[in-house]
């Protein structure tokens, strides 16, 4: 997968240092992935929440953090939409949040 935008992850882990290693690990795995469907993704990330054909929520660092992405499976592109703490996640609508409101 080609991942857009890594900068969002870096900005987050600069303020939440405990998230850095877990987000780097997720990034490395996602970059190597070749998921063609949400079901293939779910086989690798059983705890991921599939919100729609494109939108997925990943639990990061034992579910302390949440990561929302949109995936274009056909193009093999993954867009980082939002990353935050679980408490922050509980205050947003993960299905509707857009890139512009990202951190």
C-alpha atoms as a PDB file:
ATOM      1  CA  UNK A   1       0.000   0.000   0.000  1.00  0.00           C
ATOM      2  CA  UNK A   2       1.055   3.543  -0.671  1.00  0.00           C
ATOM      3  CA  UNK A   3       0.319   5.531   2.489  1.00  0.00           C
ATOM      4  CA  UNK A   4      -0.782   9.163   2.423  1.00  0.00           C
ATOM      5  CA  UNK A   5      -0.072  11.140   4.722  1.00  0.00           C
ATOM      6  CA  UNK A   6       2.692   9.917   6.969  1.00  0.00           C
ATOM      7  CA  UNK A   7       3.030  13.478   8.257  1.00  0.00           C
ATOM      8  CA  UNK A   8      -0.228  13.062  10.187  1.00  0.00           C
ATOM      9  CA  UNK A   9       1.258  10.110  12.058  1.00  0.00           C
ATOM     10  CA  UNK A  10       4.508  11.964  12.790  1.00  0.00           C
ATOM     11  CA  UNK A  11       2.704  15.035  14.116  1.00  0.00           C
ATOM     12  CA  UNK A  12       0.685  12.799  16.426  1.00  0.00           C
ATOM     13  CA  UNK A  13       3.593  10.773  17.801  1.00  0.00           C
ATOM     14  CA  UNK A  14       5.575  13.957  18.394  1.00  0.00           C
ATOM     15  CA  UNK A  15       2.958  14.909  20.990  1.00  0.00           C
ATOM     16  CA  UNK A  16       2.063  11.339  22.104  1.00  0.00           C
ATOM     17  CA  UNK A  17       5.475   9.685  22.356  1.00  0.00           C
ATOM     18  CA  UNK A  18       4.054   6.355  23.560  1.00  0.00           C
ATOM     19  CA  UNK A  19       2.276   5.987  20.211  1.00  0.00           C
ATOM     20  CA  UNK A  20       5.399   6.267  18.067  1.00  0.00           C
ATOM     21  CA  UNK A  21       6.619   2.664  18.045  1.00  0.00           C
ATOM     22  CA  UNK A  22       3.137   1.207  17.584  1.00  0.00           C
ATOM     23  CA  UNK A  23       2.354   3.603  14.715  1.00  0.00           C
ATOM     24  CA  UNK A  24       5.721   2.893  13.075  1.00  0.00           C
ATOM     25  CA  UNK A  25       5.016  -0.850  13.297  1.00  0.00           C
ATOM     26  CA  UNK A  26       1.532  -0.385  11.835  1.00  0.00           C
ATOM     27  CA  UNK A  27       2.987   1.758   9.039  1.00  0.00           C
ATOM     28  CA  UNK A  28       5.615  -0.870   8.155  1.00  0.00           C
ATOM     29  CA  UNK A  29       2.982  -3.613   8.006  1.00  0.00           C
ATOM     30  CA  UNK A  30       0.469  -1.534   6.051  1.00  0.00           C
ATOM     31  CA  UNK A  31       3.096  -0.405   3.551  1.00  0.00           C
ATOM     32  CA  UNK A  32       3.928  -4.045   2.761  1.00  0.00           C
ATOM     33  CA  UNK A  33       0.274  -5.091   2.578  1.00  0.00           C
ATOM     34  CA  UNK A  34      -1.544  -5.807  -0.678  1.00  0.00           C
ATOM     35  CA  UNK A  35      -5.122  -6.017   0.582  1.00  0.00           C
ATOM     36  CA  UNK A  36      -7.643  -6.263  -2.210  1.00  0.00           C
ATOM     37  CA  UNK A  37     -10.768  -6.269  -0.026  1.00  0.00           C
ATOM     38  CA  UNK A  38     -11.804  -5.328   3.511  1.00  0.00           C
ATOM     39  CA  UNK A  39     -12.039  -9.049   4.239  1.00  0.00           C
ATOM     40  CA  UNK A  40      -8.357  -9.560   3.395  1.00  0.00           C
ATOM     41  CA  UNK A  41      -7.439  -6.685   5.709  1.00  0.00           C
ATOM     42  CA  UNK A  42      -9.567  -8.208   8.465  1.00  0.00           C
ATOM     43  CA  UNK A  43      -7.649 -11.486   8.168  1.00  0.00           C
ATOM     44  CA  UNK A  44      -4.464  -9.645   9.135  1.00  0.00           C
ATOM     45  CA  UNK A  45      -6.029  -7.183  11.610  1.00  0.00           C
ATOM     46  CA  UNK A  46      -8.797  -9.091  13.344  1.00  0.00           C
ATOM     47  CA  UNK A  47      -9.494  -6.183  15.724  1.00  0.00           C
ATOM     48  CA  UNK A  48      -9.822  -3.590  12.975  1.00  0.00           C
ATOM     49  CA  UNK A  49     -13.302  -2.143  12.525  1.00  0.00           C
ATOM     50  CA  UNK A  50     -14.560  -2.017   8.956  1.00  0.00           C
ATOM     51  CA  UNK A  51     -16.911   0.988   8.838  1.00  0.00           C
ATOM     52  CA  UNK A  52     -17.545   0.945   5.081  1.00  0.00           C
ATOM     53  CA  UNK A  53     -16.022  -0.412   1.876  1.00  0.00           C
ATOM     54  CA  UNK A  54     -13.273   2.208   2.241  1.00  0.00           C
ATOM     55  CA  UNK A  55     -13.114   3.338   5.880  1.00  0.00           C
ATOM     56  CA  UNK A  56     -11.304   1.310   8.545  1.00  0.00           C
ATOM     57  CA  UNK A  57     -10.452   1.966  12.186  1.00  0.00           C
ATOM     58  CA  UNK A  58      -7.317   0.367  13.615  1.00  0.00           C
ATOM     59  CA  UNK A  59      -6.650  -0.149  17.318  1.00  0.00           C
ATOM     60  CA  UNK A  60      -3.138   1.029  18.075  1.00  0.00           C
ATOM     61  CA  UNK A  61      -0.980   0.264  21.125  1.00  0.00           C
ATOM     62  CA  UNK A  62      -3.443  -2.019  22.886  1.00  0.00           C
ATOM     63  CA  UNK A  63      -6.390   0.165  21.860  1.00  0.00           C
ATOM     64  CA  UNK A  64      -4.972   3.214  23.654  1.00  0.00           C
ATOM     65  CA  UNK A  65      -5.019   5.011  20.294  1.00  0.00           C
ATOM     66  CA  UNK A  66      -7.267   4.858  17.255  1.00  0.00           C
ATOM     67  CA  UNK A  67      -6.337   5.345  13.622  1.00  0.00           C
ATOM     68  CA  UNK A  68      -8.929   6.039  10.923  1.00  0.00           C
ATOM     69  CA  UNK A  69      -7.995   5.417   7.297  1.00  0.00           C
ATOM     70  CA  UNK A  70      -9.659   5.334   3.909  1.00  0.00           C
ATOM     71  CA  UNK A  71      -8.423   2.674   1.519  1.00  0.00           C
ATOM     72  CA  UNK A  72      -8.611   2.558  -2.265  1.00  0.00           C
ATOM     73  CA  UNK A  73      -8.040  -1.175  -2.618  1.00  0.00           C
ATOM     74  CA  UNK A  74      -7.935  -1.172  -6.418  1.00  0.00           C
ATOM     75  CA  UNK A  75      -5.253   1.550  -6.474  1.00  0.00           C
ATOM     76  CA  UNK A  76      -3.436   0.202  -3.386  1.00  0.00           C
ATOM     77  CA  UNK A  77      -3.538   3.611  -1.675  1.00  0.00           C
ATOM     78  CA  UNK A  78      -4.268   4.162   2.002  1.00  0.00           C
ATOM     79  CA  UNK A  79      -5.176   7.654   3.249  1.00  0.00           C
ATOM     80  CA  UNK A  80      -4.592   8.488   6.919  1.00  0.00           C
ATOM     81  CA  UNK A  81      -7.734  10.386   7.904  1.00  0.00           C
ATOM     82  CA  UNK A  82      -7.357  10.795  11.666  1.00  0.00           C
ATOM     83  CA  UNK A  83      -5.309   9.537  14.608  1.00  0.00           C
ATOM     84  CA  UNK A  84      -5.924  10.201  18.281  1.00  0.00           C
ATOM     85  CA  UNK A  85      -6.441   8.753  21.712  1.00  0.00           C
ATOM     86  CA  UNK A  86      -9.310   6.410  22.384  1.00  0.00           C
ATOM     87  CA  UNK A  87     -10.943   9.148  24.507  1.00  0.00           C
ATOM     88  CA  UNK A  88     -10.699  11.609  21.591  1.00  0.00           C
ATOM     89  CA  UNK A  89     -12.094   8.965  19.231  1.00  0.00           C
ATOM     90  CA  UNK A  90     -15.161   8.575  21.440  1.00  0.00           C
ATOM     91  CA  UNK A  91     -15.998  12.255  20.773  1.00  0.00           C
ATOM     92  CA  UNK A  92     -16.002  12.077  16.955  1.00  0.00           C
ATOM     93  CA  UNK A  93     -18.082  10.404  14.265  1.00  0.00           C
ATOM     94  CA  UNK A  94     -15.564   8.066  12.645  1.00  0.00           C
ATOM     95  CA  UNK A  95     -17.772   7.586   9.596  1.00  0.00           C
ATOM     96  CA  UNK A  96     -18.007  11.308   8.849  1.00  0.00           C
ATOM     97  CA  UNK A  97     -14.703  12.821   9.940  1.00  0.00           C
ATOM     98  CA  UNK A  98     -12.766  14.208   7.000  1.00  0.00           C
ATOM     99  CA  UNK A  99      -9.125  14.902   6.271  1.00  0.00           C
ATOM    100  CA  UNK A 100      -9.601  18.647   6.857  1.00  0.00           C
ATOM    101  CA  UNK A 101     -10.537  18.087  10.514  1.00  0.00           C
ATOM    102  CA  UNK A 102      -7.544  15.884  11.131  1.00  0.00           C
ATOM    103  CA  UNK A 103      -5.643  16.941  14.264  1.00  0.00           C
END
